[in-house]
Protein backbone atom coordinates (compact mmCIF):
# COMPACT_ATOMS: atom_id res chain seq x y z
CA MET A 1 -80.14 -157.36 -62.48
CA THR A 2 -82.97 -157.75 -59.99
CA VAL A 3 -86.34 -156.16 -60.59
CA LEU A 4 -85.78 -153.74 -57.70
CA HIS A 5 -82.45 -152.57 -59.11
CA ARG A 6 -83.97 -152.25 -62.56
CA MET A 7 -86.85 -150.14 -61.24
CA PHE A 8 -84.44 -147.49 -59.98
CA SER A 9 -81.88 -147.71 -62.76
CA LEU A 10 -81.28 -144.64 -64.91
CA LYS A 11 -83.27 -146.20 -67.72
CA TRP A 12 -86.41 -146.89 -65.67
CA ALA A 13 -86.28 -144.40 -62.78
CA VAL A 14 -88.62 -141.85 -64.37
CA THR A 15 -91.10 -144.54 -65.38
CA THR A 16 -90.99 -146.00 -61.87
CA LEU A 17 -91.75 -142.62 -60.32
CA LEU A 18 -94.68 -142.16 -62.74
CA VAL A 19 -96.02 -145.59 -61.81
CA PHE A 20 -95.76 -144.80 -58.10
CA ALA A 21 -97.45 -141.44 -58.64
CA GLY A 22 -100.22 -143.04 -60.69
CA THR A 23 -100.74 -145.67 -58.02
CA ALA A 24 -100.99 -143.01 -55.32
CA VAL A 25 -103.49 -141.02 -57.38
CA CYS A 26 -105.67 -144.08 -57.97
CA VAL A 27 -105.62 -144.97 -54.26
CA ARG A 28 -106.54 -141.40 -53.33
CA LEU A 29 -109.42 -141.39 -55.81
CA GLY A 30 -110.65 -144.68 -54.37
CA ILE A 31 -110.57 -143.25 -50.84
CA TRP A 32 -112.39 -140.16 -52.11
CA GLN A 33 -115.15 -142.34 -53.53
CA LEU A 34 -115.46 -144.15 -50.19
CA ASP A 35 -115.74 -140.76 -48.48
CA ARG A 36 -118.50 -139.84 -50.93
CA LEU A 37 -120.21 -143.13 -50.09
CA ASP A 38 -120.08 -142.32 -46.36
CA GLN A 39 -121.55 -138.88 -47.06
CA ARG A 40 -124.32 -140.42 -49.15
CA ARG A 41 -125.16 -142.92 -46.43
CA ALA A 42 -125.23 -140.17 -43.82
CA PHE A 43 -127.54 -138.11 -46.05
CA ASN A 44 -129.87 -141.07 -46.59
CA ALA A 45 -129.98 -141.77 -42.86
CA GLN A 46 -130.75 -138.12 -42.14
CA VAL A 47 -133.64 -138.01 -44.62
CA GLU A 48 -135.11 -141.32 -43.47
CA ASN A 49 -134.83 -140.34 -39.81
CA MET A 50 -136.52 -136.98 -40.35
CA ARG A 51 -139.30 -138.44 -42.49
CA VAL A 52 -140.52 -140.65 -39.64
CA GLN A 53 -140.66 -137.72 -37.21
CA ASP A 54 -143.95 -135.99 -36.48
CA PRO A 55 -144.35 -132.64 -38.23
CA LEU A 56 -142.76 -129.82 -36.23
CA ASP A 57 -145.08 -126.93 -35.35
CA LEU A 58 -142.87 -123.87 -35.04
CA ASN A 59 -145.67 -121.88 -33.45
CA ALA A 60 -145.65 -124.30 -30.54
CA ASP A 61 -141.88 -124.72 -30.24
CA VAL A 62 -138.69 -123.48 -31.91
CA PRO A 63 -135.97 -126.02 -31.01
CA ALA A 64 -132.44 -124.71 -30.59
CA ASP A 65 -131.11 -127.52 -32.82
CA LEU A 66 -133.20 -126.74 -35.90
CA ALA A 67 -130.10 -127.02 -38.08
CA THR A 68 -129.97 -130.77 -37.29
CA MET A 69 -133.52 -131.30 -38.55
CA GLU A 70 -133.14 -130.79 -42.28
CA TRP A 71 -135.85 -132.64 -44.27
CA ARG A 72 -138.24 -132.81 -41.31
CA ALA A 73 -141.85 -131.86 -42.01
CA VAL A 74 -142.74 -128.47 -40.55
CA THR A 75 -145.69 -126.13 -40.25
CA VAL A 76 -145.67 -122.46 -39.29
CA THR A 77 -148.37 -119.81 -39.28
CA GLY A 78 -147.55 -116.13 -39.59
CA GLU A 79 -147.51 -113.09 -41.85
CA TYR A 80 -145.14 -112.40 -44.73
CA ASP A 81 -142.85 -109.36 -44.77
CA PHE A 82 -142.90 -108.54 -48.48
CA GLU A 83 -140.86 -105.37 -48.08
CA ASN A 84 -137.78 -107.47 -47.30
CA GLN A 85 -138.22 -110.41 -49.65
CA VAL A 86 -135.43 -111.32 -52.06
CA ALA A 87 -135.18 -113.55 -55.12
CA MET A 88 -132.94 -116.39 -56.30
CA ARG A 89 -131.88 -116.20 -59.94
CA ASN A 90 -131.30 -119.06 -62.39
CA GLN A 91 -134.40 -121.04 -61.44
CA TYR A 92 -136.47 -123.00 -63.95
CA ASN A 93 -139.97 -124.38 -64.13
CA ASP A 94 -140.77 -126.66 -67.07
CA GLY A 95 -137.73 -125.22 -68.82
CA ILE A 96 -138.84 -121.60 -68.38
CA TYR A 97 -136.34 -119.25 -66.76
CA GLY A 98 -137.34 -117.36 -63.66
CA PHE A 99 -136.66 -116.77 -59.98
CA HIS A 100 -137.57 -118.15 -56.58
CA LEU A 101 -139.13 -115.73 -54.13
CA ILE A 102 -137.55 -115.91 -50.67
CA THR A 103 -139.81 -114.13 -48.19
CA PRO A 104 -139.46 -113.61 -44.42
CA LEU A 105 -142.38 -115.01 -42.44
CA LEU A 106 -143.01 -113.32 -39.11
CA PHE A 107 -144.59 -115.56 -36.49
CA ASP A 108 -144.86 -115.57 -32.72
CA GLY A 109 -141.63 -117.56 -32.35
CA GLY A 110 -139.42 -115.39 -34.57
CA VAL A 111 -138.74 -114.95 -38.29
CA ILE A 112 -138.04 -117.69 -40.81
CA LEU A 113 -137.41 -117.43 -44.53
CA VAL A 114 -139.76 -119.27 -46.88
CA ASN A 115 -138.87 -120.28 -50.42
CA ARG A 116 -142.29 -119.48 -51.82
CA GLY A 117 -141.39 -120.89 -55.23
CA TRP A 118 -140.92 -120.02 -58.86
CA ILE A 119 -142.00 -116.86 -60.65
CA PRO A 120 -141.36 -116.08 -64.32
CA ALA A 121 -138.72 -113.53 -65.34
CA GLU A 122 -141.20 -111.25 -67.09
CA SER A 123 -139.65 -108.00 -65.93
CA ASP A 124 -136.32 -106.59 -64.82
CA SER A 125 -136.58 -108.49 -61.54
CA ALA A 126 -137.18 -105.35 -59.52
CA PRO A 127 -138.63 -105.98 -56.03
CA GLU A 128 -141.66 -103.83 -56.76
CA ASP A 129 -142.58 -106.15 -59.61
CA TRP A 130 -142.75 -109.10 -57.22
CA ARG A 131 -145.54 -107.51 -55.19
CA VAL A 132 -148.13 -108.95 -57.58
CA TYR A 133 -147.42 -112.27 -55.85
CA ASP A 134 -148.21 -111.00 -52.35
CA GLU A 135 -150.26 -113.23 -50.06
CA ALA A 136 -151.72 -110.77 -47.61
CA GLY A 137 -152.82 -111.64 -44.10
CA ILE A 138 -152.11 -114.67 -41.96
CA VAL A 139 -150.87 -117.72 -43.87
CA LYS A 140 -150.08 -121.29 -42.85
CA VAL A 141 -147.03 -122.79 -44.53
CA THR A 142 -146.48 -126.55 -44.63
CA GLY A 143 -143.28 -127.98 -45.98
CA GLN A 144 -139.83 -129.22 -45.02
CA ILE A 145 -136.97 -127.73 -43.07
CA ARG A 146 -134.00 -126.92 -45.28
CA LEU A 147 -130.51 -125.59 -44.67
CA GLY A 148 -129.16 -122.62 -46.54
CA GLN A 149 -126.18 -122.89 -48.84
CA GLY A 150 -123.42 -120.52 -49.85
CA LYS A 151 -121.38 -120.76 -53.02
CA PRO A 152 -120.72 -124.41 -53.95
CA ALA A 153 -117.16 -125.64 -53.62
CA PHE A 154 -117.01 -126.14 -57.39
CA GLY A 155 -118.70 -123.75 -59.79
CA GLY A 156 -121.35 -121.21 -58.96
CA VAL A 157 -121.03 -117.51 -58.29
CA ALA A 158 -120.50 -116.07 -54.82
CA ASP A 159 -122.79 -113.34 -53.49
CA ALA A 160 -121.52 -110.08 -52.03
CA LEU A 161 -123.47 -107.46 -50.14
CA PRO A 162 -123.33 -103.97 -51.72
CA MET A 163 -120.57 -101.80 -50.27
CA ASP A 164 -122.93 -98.82 -49.95
CA GLY A 165 -125.12 -100.67 -47.44
CA THR A 166 -128.11 -101.11 -49.75
CA ARG A 167 -129.99 -104.38 -49.89
CA LEU A 168 -129.06 -107.14 -52.30
CA ALA A 169 -132.36 -108.05 -53.95
CA VAL A 170 -131.36 -110.88 -56.31
CA TRP A 171 -129.08 -113.66 -55.07
CA ASN A 172 -127.14 -116.54 -56.60
CA ASN A 173 -127.22 -118.69 -53.45
CA LEU A 174 -129.64 -119.07 -50.57
CA ASP A 175 -126.95 -118.05 -48.09
CA LEU A 176 -128.82 -117.60 -44.80
CA ASP A 177 -125.80 -116.28 -42.92
CA MET A 178 -125.17 -113.55 -45.46
CA MET A 179 -128.85 -112.75 -45.91
CA SER A 180 -129.30 -112.29 -42.18
CA ALA A 181 -126.84 -109.38 -42.32
CA GLN A 182 -129.25 -107.24 -44.30
CA PHE A 183 -132.36 -107.81 -42.19
CA SER A 184 -133.20 -105.51 -39.30
CA TYR A 185 -134.34 -108.55 -37.28
CA PRO A 186 -132.73 -111.94 -36.57
CA ILE A 187 -133.84 -114.87 -38.73
CA LEU A 188 -133.71 -118.58 -37.97
CA ASN A 189 -130.79 -120.57 -39.36
CA VAL A 190 -133.04 -122.70 -41.59
CA PHE A 191 -135.71 -121.97 -44.18
CA VAL A 192 -138.97 -123.64 -45.16
CA GLN A 193 -139.43 -125.36 -48.51
CA PRO A 194 -143.24 -125.47 -48.92
CA ASN A 195 -144.99 -128.53 -50.30
CA PRO A 196 -146.38 -128.01 -53.81
CA ALA A 197 -150.10 -128.35 -54.35
CA PRO A 198 -151.23 -130.79 -57.06
CA ASP A 199 -151.53 -129.12 -60.47
CA ASP A 200 -150.49 -125.73 -59.05
CA THR A 201 -149.64 -123.52 -62.03
CA THR A 202 -150.09 -120.12 -60.41
CA PRO A 203 -146.83 -118.39 -59.45
CA PRO A 204 -145.17 -118.49 -57.07
CA ILE A 205 -145.05 -122.25 -57.63
CA PRO A 206 -143.44 -124.22 -54.77
CA TYR A 207 -141.41 -127.32 -55.42
CA GLN A 208 -139.70 -130.11 -53.52
CA PRO A 209 -136.46 -131.60 -54.88
CA GLU A 210 -136.64 -135.25 -55.91
CA ILE A 211 -134.49 -137.37 -53.60
CA GLU A 212 -133.16 -140.83 -54.46
CA LEU A 213 -132.17 -142.66 -51.29
CA THR A 214 -129.61 -144.90 -52.93
CA GLU A 215 -125.89 -145.35 -52.41
CA GLY A 216 -125.15 -144.53 -56.01
CA SER A 217 -122.09 -145.91 -57.80
CA HIS A 218 -119.46 -144.73 -55.33
CA PHE A 219 -118.51 -148.21 -54.07
CA GLY A 220 -118.14 -149.53 -57.61
CA TYR A 221 -116.00 -146.55 -58.59
CA ALA A 222 -113.83 -147.07 -55.50
CA LEU A 223 -113.24 -150.70 -56.48
CA GLN A 224 -112.27 -149.58 -59.98
CA TRP A 225 -109.68 -147.10 -58.70
CA PHE A 226 -108.23 -149.62 -56.25
CA THR A 227 -108.07 -152.16 -59.09
CA PHE A 228 -106.18 -149.70 -61.28
CA ALA A 229 -103.77 -149.03 -58.40
CA THR A 230 -103.19 -152.77 -57.95
CA ILE A 231 -102.58 -153.28 -61.65
CA LEU A 232 -100.01 -150.50 -61.70
CA PHE A 233 -98.23 -151.45 -58.49
CA VAL A 234 -98.21 -155.23 -59.00
CA GLY A 235 -98.12 -155.38 -62.78
CA TYR A 236 -95.18 -153.01 -63.23
CA PRO A 237 -92.56 -155.36 -61.69
CA PHE A 238 -93.81 -158.22 -63.88
CA TYR A 239 -93.50 -155.97 -66.89
CA LEU A 240 -89.92 -155.05 -65.96
CA ARG A 241 -88.99 -158.68 -65.42
CA LYS A 242 -89.71 -159.38 -69.08
CA GLN A 243 -87.60 -156.49 -70.34
CA ASP A 244 -84.04 -156.94 -71.58
CA ASP A 245 -81.26 -155.24 -69.71
């Protein structure tokens, strides 16, 4: 009996189908890792490209393609609208639970949200309690352009605006599209992540995420999955050849 006939015999048919399925899964996982590698490279290129750009002054110009400029340095001068600020839950600073204050900044080119940084969860997170962190008057914010984000594809909790039309004060995600629905004025489709000052321990405390511009282990993982697929697909016939009829 040839190997091909043996593979699809009654005795080995189920095993053969499992081997084919396992091979297909391994190939798909390898392709997925290569897709992740492409995404990582695109992210690295975006960050590096934006970091060499001159800081963008929003008071001088508000480009229509702001959403393509994530991670670019930016400055904007205006006045905060504390009445409409919201907070992001599940934020930590040195292991201490708290919130991030997200405050609209009104300037001569429009309105942009600013992630002013971390505050401790010392109260019931009511908006009136956040007013102790007000920065009255004209302020100049220097930081980076960031894109908003809804609920992650895996994990996380989605936000939903109250059915009675009241404002949602505390959010799980910095979802700019959804947040814009509860403001009486249009907001830009990006927000500002301010640069932290050295040794700043007074809330709200800004932060910048640490970014590693590496390709990670995606290519190595892809090779592993393709190797597993090869072992299954090529090794199975050799295994069958050694079996007795």
